[in-house]
């Protein structure tokens, strides 16, 4: 079952990446395909002239992504955390902490006669790593939900293609699941068994969870250096995306009409046209680093984020250049000094 889930997620990410990469190739024969992919990706201001307007939904439906993402990520986080707590409690404390530190730092110095125990300990460490990654994802989706509610003032006429809407819903189901896919099957089995016991045997016969904040949090404090470097990169992008979204959210106040657009300035807007996309790429790059870089599924997730946002940023940059004669010439689309 585990191989099936991991394989399905990887295939889905590849299926999402390939059309974008093909549409981005500089071949004139791909012009029609490029235009089709672009129509699916359009939203907001760059979709006003789209011939597919009847296949669109209001851009304010972005909030649906983050409502679902918060519920789904929270469910995965709580289930994985409780499962990690239960499995970690089976290991003697000194051995477990030394093992998790060694594993998450990328090393191992356990002797061969401990091989059977090492496999078990490494798997437990990977579960705690999933908890850490889901915590980062939770921080991200909670902030995005609050921004859609209190920061962004979506233009009533702003639309997005229904295919883009469905892609967004899929992304926020698959992305959190990709962060814990190696332990998801057994975790779901654990959760199902707990629910079944509750229904069949009743609350009184279930194993009680002796909640201790120290035992719940302490394994996360034993993470290796790459997890904390990854978290630092994550929050660097997170803070800049927060700032850039605040700038975008304030633009409507400075416009003279409901369909008025102005050039954004401040923070990373001084160097690229889509700094919020750049920050998103950095956020997911931080997750890759925090994962230790050994999980191919998370790499595919990151590749999809990069391909999707670079493609969208290129069109946004072209829109700015067409819209404003005085658009800053030093700004690039999304990657400073490169693209």
C-alpha atoms as a PDB file:
ATOM      1  CA  UNK A   1       0.000   0.000   0.000  1.00  0.00           C
ATOM      2  CA  UNK A   2       2.857   2.359   0.851  1.00  0.00           C
ATOM      3  CA  UNK A   3       4.488   1.853  -2.546  1.00  0.00           C
ATOM      4  CA  UNK A   4       1.136   2.463  -4.213  1.00  0.00           C
ATOM      5  CA  UNK A   5       0.580   5.763  -2.438  1.00  0.00           C
ATOM      6  CA  UNK A   6       4.116   7.036  -3.033  1.00  0.00           C
ATOM      7  CA  UNK A   7       4.030   5.958  -6.673  1.00  0.00           C
ATOM      8  CA  UNK A   8       0.643   7.593  -7.222  1.00  0.00           C
ATOM      9  CA  UNK A   9       1.791  10.889  -5.734  1.00  0.00           C
ATOM     10  CA  UNK A  10       4.993  10.923  -7.788  1.00  0.00           C
ATOM     11  CA  UNK A  11       3.105  10.114 -10.989  1.00  0.00           C
ATOM     12  CA  UNK A  12       0.618  12.899 -10.272  1.00  0.00           C
ATOM     13  CA  UNK A  13       3.379  15.468  -9.689  1.00  0.00           C
ATOM     14  CA  UNK A  14       5.131  14.426 -12.902  1.00  0.00           C
ATOM     15  CA  UNK A  15       1.831  14.680 -14.789  1.00  0.00           C
ATOM     16  CA  UNK A  16       1.483  18.239 -13.510  1.00  0.00           C
ATOM     17  CA  UNK A  17       5.075  19.242 -14.256  1.00  0.00           C
ATOM     18  CA  UNK A  18       5.431  17.924 -17.822  1.00  0.00           C
ATOM     19  CA  UNK A  19       2.727  20.061 -19.533  1.00  0.00           C
ATOM     20  CA  UNK A  20       4.158  23.227 -17.975  1.00  0.00           C
ATOM     21  CA  UNK A  21       7.711  22.355 -18.978  1.00  0.00           C
ATOM     22  CA  UNK A  22       6.654  21.471 -22.540  1.00  0.00           C
ATOM     23  CA  UNK A  23       4.599  24.662 -22.849  1.00  0.00           C
ATOM     24  CA  UNK A  24       7.630  26.671 -21.707  1.00  0.00           C
ATOM     25  CA  UNK A  25       9.922  25.346 -24.451  1.00  0.00           C
ATOM     26  CA  UNK A  26      10.860  28.073 -26.991  1.00  0.00           C
ATOM     27  CA  UNK A  27       9.490  26.317 -30.071  1.00  0.00           C
ATOM     28  CA  UNK A  28       7.016  28.047 -32.363  1.00  0.00           C
ATOM     29  CA  UNK A  29       5.179  24.779 -33.060  1.00  0.00           C
ATOM     30  CA  UNK A  30       4.245  24.629 -29.380  1.00  0.00           C
ATOM     31  CA  UNK A  31       2.513  28.014 -29.506  1.00  0.00           C
ATOM     32  CA  UNK A  32      -0.981  26.535 -29.485  1.00  0.00           C
ATOM     33  CA  UNK A  33      -0.148  24.221 -26.591  1.00  0.00           C
ATOM     34  CA  UNK A  34       1.486  27.110 -24.698  1.00  0.00           C
ATOM     35  CA  UNK A  35      -1.655  29.198 -25.133  1.00  0.00           C
ATOM     36  CA  UNK A  36      -3.872  26.373 -23.895  1.00  0.00           C
ATOM     37  CA  UNK A  37      -1.794  25.779 -20.751  1.00  0.00           C
ATOM     38  CA  UNK A  38      -1.662  29.530 -20.162  1.00  0.00           C
ATOM     39  CA  UNK A  39      -5.452  29.807 -20.340  1.00  0.00           C
ATOM     40  CA  UNK A  40      -5.732  27.151 -17.634  1.00  0.00           C
ATOM     41  CA  UNK A  41      -3.197  29.014 -15.461  1.00  0.00           C
ATOM     42  CA  UNK A  42      -4.635  32.511 -15.900  1.00  0.00           C
ATOM     43  CA  UNK A  43      -6.339  34.273 -13.031  1.00  0.00           C
ATOM     44  CA  UNK A  44      -7.090  37.742 -11.764  1.00  0.00           C
ATOM     45  CA  UNK A  45      -5.856  40.670 -13.804  1.00  0.00           C
ATOM     46  CA  UNK A  46      -4.243  38.612 -16.571  1.00  0.00           C
ATOM     47  CA  UNK A  47      -7.504  36.766 -17.309  1.00  0.00           C
ATOM     48  CA  UNK A  48      -9.643  39.733 -18.244  1.00  0.00           C
ATOM     49  CA  UNK A  49      -9.330  39.067 -21.983  1.00  0.00           C
ATOM     50  CA  UNK A  50      -9.714  35.279 -21.822  1.00  0.00           C
ATOM     51  CA  UNK A  51     -12.070  33.646 -24.365  1.00  0.00           C
ATOM     52  CA  UNK A  52     -12.849  30.935 -21.776  1.00  0.00           C
ATOM     53  CA  UNK A  53     -14.621  33.254 -19.345  1.00  0.00           C
ATOM     54  CA  UNK A  54     -17.621  30.943 -19.020  1.00  0.00           C
ATOM     55  CA  UNK A  55     -15.332  28.206 -17.652  1.00  0.00           C
ATOM     56  CA  UNK A  56     -14.212  30.324 -14.722  1.00  0.00           C
ATOM     57  CA  UNK A  57     -15.002  30.847 -11.051  1.00  0.00           C
ATOM     58  CA  UNK A  58     -14.497  33.958  -8.877  1.00  0.00           C
ATOM     59  CA  UNK A  59     -10.908  34.432  -7.721  1.00  0.00           C
ATOM     60  CA  UNK A  60     -12.155  34.840  -4.165  1.00  0.00           C
ATOM     61  CA  UNK A  61     -12.650  31.055  -4.256  1.00  0.00           C
ATOM     62  CA  UNK A  62      -8.944  30.965  -3.391  1.00  0.00           C
ATOM     63  CA  UNK A  63     -10.166  30.810   0.201  1.00  0.00           C
ATOM     64  CA  UNK A  64     -11.520  27.318  -0.522  1.00  0.00           C
ATOM     65  CA  UNK A  65      -7.957  26.090  -1.045  1.00  0.00           C
ATOM     66  CA  UNK A  66      -6.801  27.229   2.344  1.00  0.00           C
ATOM     67  CA  UNK A  67      -9.922  26.247   4.277  1.00  0.00           C
ATOM     68  CA  UNK A  68      -9.522  22.704   3.006  1.00  0.00           C
ATOM     69  CA  UNK A  69      -5.729  22.842   3.454  1.00  0.00           C
ATOM     70  CA  UNK A  70      -6.029  23.854   7.106  1.00  0.00           C
ATOM     71  CA  UNK A  71      -8.517  21.083   7.887  1.00  0.00           C
ATOM     72  CA  UNK A  72      -6.569  18.399   5.979  1.00  0.00           C
ATOM     73  CA  UNK A  73      -3.115  19.434   7.204  1.00  0.00           C
ATOM     74  CA  UNK A  74      -4.322  19.669  10.794  1.00  0.00           C
ATOM     75  CA  UNK A  75      -5.850  16.189  10.567  1.00  0.00           C
ATOM     76  CA  UNK A  76      -2.630  14.746   9.151  1.00  0.00           C
ATOM     77  CA  UNK A  77      -0.504  16.589  11.698  1.00  0.00           C
ATOM     78  CA  UNK A  78      -2.492  15.471  14.736  1.00  0.00           C
ATOM     79  CA  UNK A  79      -2.722  11.870  13.551  1.00  0.00           C
ATOM     80  CA  UNK A  80       0.979  11.686  12.697  1.00  0.00           C
ATOM     81  CA  UNK A  81       1.979  13.373  15.957  1.00  0.00           C
ATOM     82  CA  UNK A  82      -0.075  11.001  18.098  1.00  0.00           C
ATOM     83  CA  UNK A  83       1.198   8.044  16.087  1.00  0.00           C
ATOM     84  CA  UNK A  84       4.798   9.228  16.509  1.00  0.00           C
ATOM     85  CA  UNK A  85       4.233   9.666  20.235  1.00  0.00           C
ATOM     86  CA  UNK A  86       2.857   6.133  20.561  1.00  0.00           C
ATOM     87  CA  UNK A  87       5.624   4.478  18.515  1.00  0.00           C
ATOM     88  CA  UNK A  88       8.444   6.539  20.056  1.00  0.00           C
ATOM     89  CA  UNK A  89       7.310   5.608  23.543  1.00  0.00           C
ATOM     90  CA  UNK A  90       8.214   1.995  22.762  1.00  0.00           C
ATOM     91  CA  UNK A  91      11.922   2.879  22.546  1.00  0.00           C
ATOM     92  CA  UNK A  92      14.089   3.468  25.629  1.00  0.00           C
ATOM     93  CA  UNK A  93      14.587   7.205  25.942  1.00  0.00           C
ATOM     94  CA  UNK A  94      18.405   7.476  25.831  1.00  0.00           C
ATOM     95  CA  UNK A  95      18.698   5.154  22.819  1.00  0.00           C
ATOM     96  CA  UNK A  96      15.848   6.827  20.963  1.00  0.00           C
ATOM     97  CA  UNK A  97      17.225  10.330  21.315  1.00  0.00           C
ATOM     98  CA  UNK A  98      20.719   9.296  20.227  1.00  0.00           C
ATOM     99  CA  UNK A  99      19.247   7.473  17.237  1.00  0.00           C
ATOM    100  CA  UNK A 100      16.983  10.299  16.121  1.00  0.00           C
ATOM    101  CA  UNK A 101      19.839  12.799  16.336  1.00  0.00           C
ATOM    102  CA  UNK A 102      22.089  10.524  14.283  1.00  0.00           C
ATOM    103  CA  UNK A 103      19.435   9.779  11.684  1.00  0.00           C
ATOM    104  CA  UNK A 104      18.253  13.359  11.138  1.00  0.00           C
ATOM    105  CA  UNK A 105      21.825  14.620  10.910  1.00  0.00           C
ATOM    106  CA  UNK A 106      22.348  12.166   8.045  1.00  0.00           C
ATOM    107  CA  UNK A 107      24.715   9.800   9.799  1.00  0.00           C
ATOM    108  CA  UNK A 108      24.744   6.436  11.502  1.00  0.00           C
ATOM    109  CA  UNK A 109      27.281   4.820  13.779  1.00  0.00           C
ATOM    110  CA  UNK A 110      25.280   1.823  15.004  1.00  0.00           C
ATOM    111  CA  UNK A 111      27.100  -1.539  14.943  1.00  0.00           C
ATOM    112  CA  UNK A 112      25.848  -4.365  12.645  1.00  0.00           C
ATOM    113  CA  UNK A 113      24.436  -6.454  15.491  1.00  0.00           C
ATOM    114  CA  UNK A 114      21.949  -3.621  16.089  1.00  0.00           C
ATOM    115  CA  UNK A 115      20.731  -3.712  12.486  1.00  0.00           C
ATOM    116  CA  UNK A 116      17.212  -4.918  13.273  1.00  0.00           C
ATOM    117  CA  UNK A 117      16.769  -2.297  15.970  1.00  0.00           C
ATOM    118  CA  UNK A 118      18.323   0.398  13.766  1.00  0.00           C
ATOM    119  CA  UNK A 119      15.710  -0.123  11.044  1.00  0.00           C
ATOM    120  CA  UNK A 120      12.954   0.303  13.593  1.00  0.00           C
ATOM    121  CA  UNK A 121      14.570   3.420  15.076  1.00  0.00           C
ATOM    122  CA  UNK A 122      15.176   5.018  11.678  1.00  0.00           C
ATOM    123  CA  UNK A 123      11.563   4.502  10.743  1.00  0.00           C
ATOM    124  CA  UNK A 124      10.442   6.155  13.970  1.00  0.00           C
ATOM    125  CA  UNK A 125      12.784   9.049  13.221  1.00  0.00           C
ATOM    126  CA  UNK A 126      11.220   9.446   9.776  1.00  0.00           C
ATOM    127  CA  UNK A 127       7.807   9.711  11.432  1.00  0.00           C
ATOM    128  CA  UNK A 128       8.997  12.515  13.698  1.00  0.00           C
ATOM    129  CA  UNK A 129      10.471  14.207  10.628  1.00  0.00           C
ATOM    130  CA  UNK A 130       7.030  14.030   9.008  1.00  0.00           C
ATOM    131  CA  UNK A 131       5.591  15.739  12.087  1.00  0.00           C
ATOM    132  CA  UNK A 132       8.141  18.539  11.704  1.00  0.00           C
ATOM    133  CA  UNK A 133       7.377  19.038   7.996  1.00  0.00           C
ATOM    134  CA  UNK A 134       3.627  19.047   8.618  1.00  0.00           C
ATOM    135  CA  UNK A 135       4.137  21.676  11.316  1.00  0.00           C
ATOM    136  CA  UNK A 136       5.814  23.906   8.734  1.00  0.00           C
ATOM    137  CA  UNK A 137       2.969  23.273   6.297  1.00  0.00           C
ATOM    138  CA  UNK A 138       0.432  24.106   8.993  1.00  0.00           C
ATOM    139  CA  UNK A 139       2.118  27.452   9.625  1.00  0.00           C
ATOM    140  CA  UNK A 140       1.984  28.195   5.896  1.00  0.00           C
ATOM    141  CA  UNK A 141      -1.654  27.291   5.198  1.00  0.00           C
ATOM    142  CA  UNK A 142      -2.947  28.995   8.354  1.00  0.00           C
ATOM    143  CA  UNK A 143      -1.301  32.244   7.300  1.00  0.00           C
ATOM    144  CA  UNK A 144      -2.607  31.948   3.740  1.00  0.00           C
ATOM    145  CA  UNK A 145      -6.153  31.403   5.028  1.00  0.00           C
ATOM    146  CA  UNK A 146      -5.948  34.496   7.246  1.00  0.00           C
ATOM    147  CA  UNK A 147      -4.609  36.506   4.313  1.00  0.00           C
ATOM    148  CA  UNK A 148      -7.524  35.556   2.071  1.00  0.00           C
ATOM    149  CA  UNK A 149      -9.885  36.642   4.833  1.00  0.00           C
ATOM    150  CA  UNK A 150      -8.258  39.849   6.060  1.00  0.00           C
ATOM    151  CA  UNK A 151      -5.523  41.006   3.648  1.00  0.00           C
ATOM    152  CA  UNK A 152      -6.664  40.465   0.088  1.00  0.00           C
ATOM    153  CA  UNK A 153      -9.501  42.524  -1.304  1.00  0.00           C
ATOM    154  CA  UNK A 154     -10.354  40.556  -4.431  1.00  0.00           C
ATOM    155  CA  UNK A 155     -11.786  42.471  -7.353  1.00  0.00           C
ATOM    156  CA  UNK A 156     -15.408  41.283  -7.849  1.00  0.00           C
ATOM    157  CA  UNK A 157     -14.659  40.819 -11.556  1.00  0.00           C
ATOM    158  CA  UNK A 158     -11.466  38.778 -10.950  1.00  0.00           C
ATOM    159  CA  UNK A 159     -11.813  35.213 -12.181  1.00  0.00           C
ATOM    160  CA  UNK A 160      -9.765  32.032 -12.522  1.00  0.00           C
ATOM    161  CA  UNK A 161     -10.183  29.035 -14.793  1.00  0.00           C
ATOM    162  CA  UNK A 162     -12.103  26.118 -13.340  1.00  0.00           C
ATOM    163  CA  UNK A 163      -9.173  23.823 -14.188  1.00  0.00           C
ATOM    164  CA  UNK A 164      -6.854  26.054 -12.157  1.00  0.00           C
ATOM    165  CA  UNK A 165      -9.367  25.943  -9.308  1.00  0.00           C
ATOM    166  CA  UNK A 166      -9.448  22.139  -9.339  1.00  0.00           C
ATOM    167  CA  UNK A 167      -5.648  22.030  -9.571  1.00  0.00           C
ATOM    168  CA  UNK A 168      -5.421  24.205  -6.471  1.00  0.00           C
ATOM    169  CA  UNK A 169      -7.760  21.917  -4.555  1.00  0.00           C
ATOM    170  CA  UNK A 170      -5.684  18.911  -5.591  1.00  0.00           C
ATOM    171  CA  UNK A 171      -2.426  20.622  -4.650  1.00  0.00           C
ATOM    172  CA  UNK A 172      -3.476  21.292  -1.070  1.00  0.00           C
ATOM    173  CA  UNK A 173      -4.557  17.681  -0.642  1.00  0.00           C
ATOM    174  CA  UNK A 174      -1.449  16.157  -2.236  1.00  0.00           C
ATOM    175  CA  UNK A 175       1.193  18.545  -0.829  1.00  0.00           C
ATOM    176  CA  UNK A 176       0.657  17.785   2.895  1.00  0.00           C
ATOM    177  CA  UNK A 177       0.246  14.100   2.070  1.00  0.00           C
ATOM    178  CA  UNK A 178       3.568  14.134   0.175  1.00  0.00           C
ATOM    179  CA  UNK A 179       5.300  15.393   3.320  1.00  0.00           C
ATOM    180  CA  UNK A 180       4.269  12.294   5.273  1.00  0.00           C
ATOM    181  CA  UNK A 181       3.678   9.725   2.522  1.00  0.00           C
ATOM    182  CA  UNK A 182       6.330   7.290   3.773  1.00  0.00           C
ATOM    183  CA  UNK A 183       4.411   6.700   6.995  1.00  0.00           C
ATOM    184  CA  UNK A 184       0.880   7.626   5.844  1.00  0.00           C
ATOM    185  CA  UNK A 185      -0.443   4.069   5.212  1.00  0.00           C
ATOM    186  CA  UNK A 186       0.477   2.776   8.673  1.00  0.00           C
ATOM    187  CA  UNK A 187      -0.617   6.057  10.214  1.00  0.00           C
ATOM    188  CA  UNK A 188      -4.043   5.786   8.585  1.00  0.00           C
ATOM    189  CA  UNK A 189      -4.271   2.190   9.747  1.00  0.00           C
ATOM    190  CA  UNK A 190      -3.439   3.339  13.262  1.00  0.00           C
ATOM    191  CA  UNK A 191      -6.111   6.036  13.121  1.00  0.00           C
ATOM    192  CA  UNK A 192      -8.682   3.622  11.710  1.00  0.00           C
ATOM    193  CA  UNK A 193      -7.962   1.097  14.454  1.00  0.00           C
ATOM    194  CA  UNK A 194      -8.354   3.773  17.129  1.00  0.00           C
ATOM    195  CA  UNK A 195     -11.692   4.877  15.697  1.00  0.00           C
ATOM    196  CA  UNK A 196     -12.872   1.272  15.336  1.00  0.00           C
ATOM    197  CA  UNK A 197     -11.958   0.478  18.934  1.00  0.00           C
ATOM    198  CA  UNK A 198     -13.823   3.549  20.092  1.00  0.00           C
ATOM    199  CA  UNK A 199     -16.950   2.541  18.160  1.00  0.00           C
ATOM    200  CA  UNK A 200     -16.898  -1.185  18.979  1.00  0.00           C
ATOM    201  CA  UNK A 201     -15.442  -1.305  22.489  1.00  0.00           C
ATOM    202  CA  UNK A 202     -16.361   2.091  23.794  1.00  0.00           C
ATOM    203  CA  UNK A 203     -14.343   4.856  25.371  1.00  0.00           C
ATOM    204  CA  UNK A 204     -13.716   3.058  28.654  1.00  0.00           C
ATOM    205  CA  UNK A 205     -11.839   0.154  27.041  1.00  0.00           C
ATOM    206  CA  UNK A 206      -9.548   2.285  24.858  1.00  0.00           C
ATOM    207  CA  UNK A 207      -5.921   2.928  25.725  1.00  0.00           C
ATOM    208  CA  UNK A 208      -5.676   6.280  27.408  1.00  0.00           C
ATOM    209  CA  UNK A 209      -3.251   8.850  26.028  1.00  0.00           C
ATOM    210  CA  UNK A 210      -1.164  10.202  28.886  1.00  0.00           C
ATOM    211  CA  UNK A 211      -0.571  13.652  27.483  1.00  0.00           C
ATOM    212  CA  UNK A 212       2.774  15.163  28.416  1.00  0.00           C
ATOM    213  CA  UNK A 213       3.943  18.295  26.606  1.00  0.00           C
ATOM    214  CA  UNK A 214       7.580  17.385  27.154  1.00  0.00           C
ATOM    215  CA  UNK A 215       7.229  13.952  25.565  1.00  0.00           C
ATOM    216  CA  UNK A 216       5.208  15.394  22.699  1.00  0.00           C
ATOM    217  CA  UNK A 217       7.679  18.173  21.862  1.00  0.00           C
ATOM    218  CA  UNK A 218      11.066  16.930  23.041  1.00  0.00           C
ATOM    219  CA  UNK A 219      11.763  14.614  20.048  1.00  0.00           C
ATOM    220  CA  UNK A 220      11.333  17.613  17.731  1.00  0.00           C
ATOM    221  CA  UNK A 221      14.005  19.464  19.704  1.00  0.00           C
ATOM    222  CA  UNK A 222      16.427  16.627  18.934  1.00  0.00           C
ATOM    223  CA  UNK A 223      16.304  17.221  15.177  1.00  0.00           C
ATOM    224  CA  UNK A 224      19.510  17.490  13.158  1.00  0.00           C
ATOM    225  CA  UNK A 225      21.099  20.639  11.768  1.00  0.00           C
ATOM    226  CA  UNK A 226      19.566  20.283   8.290  1.00  0.00           C
ATOM    227  CA  UNK A 227      16.047  20.456   9.760  1.00  0.00           C
ATOM    228  CA  UNK A 228      16.796  23.775  11.474  1.00  0.00           C
ATOM    229  CA  UNK A 229      18.559  25.159   8.401  1.00  0.00           C
ATOM    230  CA  UNK A 230      15.518  24.178   6.355  1.00  0.00           C
ATOM    231  CA  UNK A 231      13.195  25.827   8.867  1.00  0.00           C
ATOM    232  CA  UNK A 232      15.293  29.014   8.699  1.00  0.00           C
ATOM    233  CA  UNK A 233      15.012  29.074   4.902  1.00  0.00           C
ATOM    234  CA  UNK A 234      11.280  28.378   5.202  1.00  0.00           C
ATOM    235  CA  UNK A 235      10.668  31.316   7.547  1.00  0.00           C
ATOM    236  CA  UNK A 236      12.861  33.625   5.458  1.00  0.00           C
ATOM    237  CA  UNK A 237      10.549  33.043   2.499  1.00  0.00           C
ATOM    238  CA  UNK A 238       7.492  33.012   4.788  1.00  0.00           C
ATOM    239  CA  UNK A 239       8.209  36.486   6.182  1.00  0.00           C
ATOM    240  CA  UNK A 240       8.872  37.996   2.751  1.00  0.00           C
ATOM    241  CA  UNK A 241       5.702  36.461   1.327  1.00  0.00           C
ATOM    242  CA  UNK A 242       3.784  37.968   4.233  1.00  0.00           C
ATOM    243  CA  UNK A 243       5.234  41.400   3.431  1.00  0.00           C
ATOM    244  CA  UNK A 244       4.610  41.102  -0.304  1.00  0.00           C
ATOM    245  CA  UNK A 245       1.025  39.972   0.211  1.00  0.00           C
ATOM    246  CA  UNK A 246       0.470  42.944   2.512  1.00  0.00           C
ATOM    247  CA  UNK A 247       1.734  45.216  -0.272  1.00  0.00           C
ATOM    248  CA  UNK A 248      -0.564  43.587  -2.830  1.00  0.00           C
ATOM    249  CA  UNK A 249      -3.490  43.771  -0.427  1.00  0.00           C
ATOM    250  CA  UNK A 250      -2.986  47.518   0.019  1.00  0.00           C
ATOM    251  CA  UNK A 251      -2.932  48.311  -3.710  1.00  0.00           C
ATOM    252  CA  UNK A 252      -6.712  48.373  -4.031  1.00  0.00           C
ATOM    253  CA  UNK A 253      -6.824  51.296  -1.585  1.00  0.00           C
ATOM    254  CA  UNK A 254      -4.565  53.331  -3.869  1.00  0.00           C
ATOM    255  CA  UNK A 255      -6.465  52.597  -7.083  1.00  0.00           C
ATOM    256  CA  UNK A 256      -8.885  55.129  -8.490  1.00  0.00           C
ATOM    257  CA  UNK A 257     -11.508  52.606  -9.531  1.00  0.00           C
ATOM    258  CA  UNK A 258     -12.634  49.040  -9.125  1.00  0.00           C
ATOM    259  CA  UNK A 259     -10.625  47.885 -12.162  1.00  0.00           C
ATOM    260  CA  UNK A 260      -7.662  50.168 -11.529  1.00  0.00           C
ATOM    261  CA  UNK A 261      -4.219  48.620 -11.144  1.00  0.00           C
ATOM    262  CA  UNK A 262      -1.053  50.268  -9.883  1.00  0.00           C
ATOM    263  CA  UNK A 263       2.585  49.224  -9.857  1.00  0.00           C
ATOM    264  CA  UNK A 264       3.560  47.604  -6.550  1.00  0.00           C
ATOM    265  CA  UNK A 265       6.698  48.816  -4.758  1.00  0.00           C
ATOM    266  CA  UNK A 266       8.569  47.677  -1.667  1.00  0.00           C
ATOM    267  CA  UNK A 267      10.346  44.609  -0.338  1.00  0.00           C
ATOM    268  CA  UNK A 268      11.236  42.141  -3.135  1.00  0.00           C
ATOM    269  CA  UNK A 269       8.984  44.014  -5.590  1.00  0.00           C
ATOM    270  CA  UNK A 270      12.032  46.201  -6.171  1.00  0.00           C
ATOM    271  CA  UNK A 271      13.813  43.360  -7.974  1.00  0.00           C
ATOM    272  CA  UNK A 272      11.138  41.011  -9.408  1.00  0.00           C
ATOM    273  CA  UNK A 273       7.543  41.298 -10.597  1.00  0.00           C
ATOM    274  CA  UNK A 274       6.249  38.305  -8.599  1.00  0.00           C
ATOM    275  CA  UNK A 275       8.156  38.278  -5.311  1.00  0.00           C
ATOM    276  CA  UNK A 276       5.319  36.428  -3.566  1.00  0.00           C
ATOM    277  CA  UNK A 277       5.918  33.567  -6.016  1.00  0.00           C
ATOM    278  CA  UNK A 278       9.658  33.751  -5.372  1.00  0.00           C
ATOM    279  CA  UNK A 279       8.954  33.579  -1.636  1.00  0.00           C
ATOM    280  CA  UNK A 280       6.724  30.526  -2.186  1.00  0.00           C
ATOM    281  CA  UNK A 281       9.547  28.763  -3.999  1.00  0.00           C
ATOM    282  CA  UNK A 282      11.890  29.555  -1.102  1.00  0.00           C
ATOM    283  CA  UNK A 283       9.296  28.252   1.376  1.00  0.00           C
ATOM    284  CA  UNK A 284       9.141  24.875  -0.349  1.00  0.00           C
ATOM    285  CA  UNK A 285      12.904  24.840  -0.848  1.00  0.00           C
ATOM    286  CA  UNK A 286      13.139  25.124   2.935  1.00  0.00           C
ATOM    287  CA  UNK A 287      10.908  22.068   3.245  1.00  0.00           C
ATOM    288  CA  UNK A 288      13.175  20.117   0.888  1.00  0.00           C
ATOM    289  CA  UNK A 289      16.210  21.012   3.007  1.00  0.00           C
ATOM    290  CA  UNK A 290      14.330  20.217   6.224  1.00  0.00           C
ATOM    291  CA  UNK A 291      13.389  16.799   4.808  1.00  0.00           C
ATOM    292  CA  UNK A 292      17.066  15.986   4.359  1.00  0.00           C
ATOM    293  CA  UNK A 293      16.688  15.863   0.578  1.00  0.00           C
ATOM    294  CA  UNK A 294      16.317  12.080   0.504  1.00  0.00           C
ATOM    295  CA  UNK A 295      12.607  11.846  -0.356  1.00  0.00           C
ATOM    296  CA  UNK A 296      11.987  11.957  -4.113  1.00  0.00           C
ATOM    297  CA  UNK A 297       8.274  12.696  -3.595  1.00  0.00           C
ATOM    298  CA  UNK A 298       9.083  15.984  -1.858  1.00  0.00           C
ATOM    299  CA  UNK A 299      11.488  16.852  -4.691  1.00  0.00           C
ATOM    300  CA  UNK A 300       8.666  16.314  -7.202  1.00  0.00           C
ATOM    301  CA  UNK A 301       6.408  18.533  -5.086  1.00  0.00           C
ATOM    302  CA  UNK A 302       9.069  21.240  -5.134  1.00  0.00           C
ATOM    303  CA  UNK A 303       9.579  20.840  -8.900  1.00  0.00           C
ATOM    304  CA  UNK A 304       5.847  21.332  -9.484  1.00  0.00           C
ATOM    305  CA  UNK A 305       5.839  24.487  -7.360  1.00  0.00           C
ATOM    306  CA  UNK A 306       8.806  25.907  -9.280  1.00  0.00           C
ATOM    307  CA  UNK A 307       7.443  25.031 -12.734  1.00  0.00           C
ATOM    308  CA  UNK A 308       3.960  26.355 -11.970  1.00  0.00           C
ATOM    309  CA  UNK A 309       5.066  29.627 -10.377  1.00  0.00           C
ATOM    310  CA  UNK A 310       7.803  30.433 -12.896  1.00  0.00           C
ATOM    311  CA  UNK A 311       5.317  29.889 -15.716  1.00  0.00           C
ATOM    312  CA  UNK A 312       2.711  32.124 -14.047  1.00  0.00           C
ATOM    313  CA  UNK A 313       5.283  34.780 -13.114  1.00  0.00           C
ATOM    314  CA  UNK A 314       6.480  35.067 -16.713  1.00  0.00           C
ATOM    315  CA  UNK A 315       2.981  35.915 -17.906  1.00  0.00           C
ATOM    316  CA  UNK A 316       2.439  38.340 -15.012  1.00  0.00           C
ATOM    317  CA  UNK A 317       5.685  40.115 -15.947  1.00  0.00           C
ATOM    318  CA  UNK A 318       4.579  40.421 -19.578  1.00  0.00           C
ATOM    319  CA  UNK A 319       1.242  41.815 -18.409  1.00  0.00           C
ATOM    320  CA  UNK A 320       2.981  44.502 -16.334  1.00  0.00           C
ATOM    321  CA  UNK A 321       5.153  45.478 -19.299  1.00  0.00           C
ATOM    322  CA  UNK A 322       2.098  45.794 -21.576  1.00  0.00           C
ATOM    323  CA  UNK A 323       0.033  47.640 -18.975  1.00  0.00           C
ATOM    324  CA  UNK A 324       2.541  50.238 -17.755  1.00  0.00           C
ATOM    325  CA  UNK A 325       4.849  52.278 -19.981  1.00  0.00           C
ATOM    326  CA  UNK A 326       6.824  53.370 -16.930  1.00  0.00           C
ATOM    327  CA  UNK A 327       7.296  49.903 -15.474  1.00  0.00           C
ATOM    328  CA  UNK A 328      10.736  49.621 -13.770  1.00  0.00           C
ATOM    329  CA  UNK A 329      13.184  48.250 -16.326  1.00  0.00           C
ATOM    330  CA  UNK A 330      15.413  46.632 -13.702  1.00  0.00           C
ATOM    331  CA  UNK A 331      12.746  44.160 -12.567  1.00  0.00           C
ATOM    332  CA  UNK A 332      12.812  40.606 -13.808  1.00  0.00           C
ATOM    333  CA  UNK A 333       9.954  38.104 -13.664  1.00  0.00           C
ATOM    334  CA  UNK A 334      10.755  35.975 -10.617  1.00  0.00           C
ATOM    335  CA  UNK A 335      14.410  34.927 -10.216  1.00  0.00           C
ATOM    336  CA  UNK A 336      16.647  37.912  -9.284  1.00  0.00           C
ATOM    337  CA  UNK A 337      19.405  38.633 -11.831  1.00  0.00           C
ATOM    338  CA  UNK A 338      18.451  35.543 -13.884  1.00  0.00           C
ATOM    339  CA  UNK A 339      14.846  35.497 -15.127  1.00  0.00           C
END
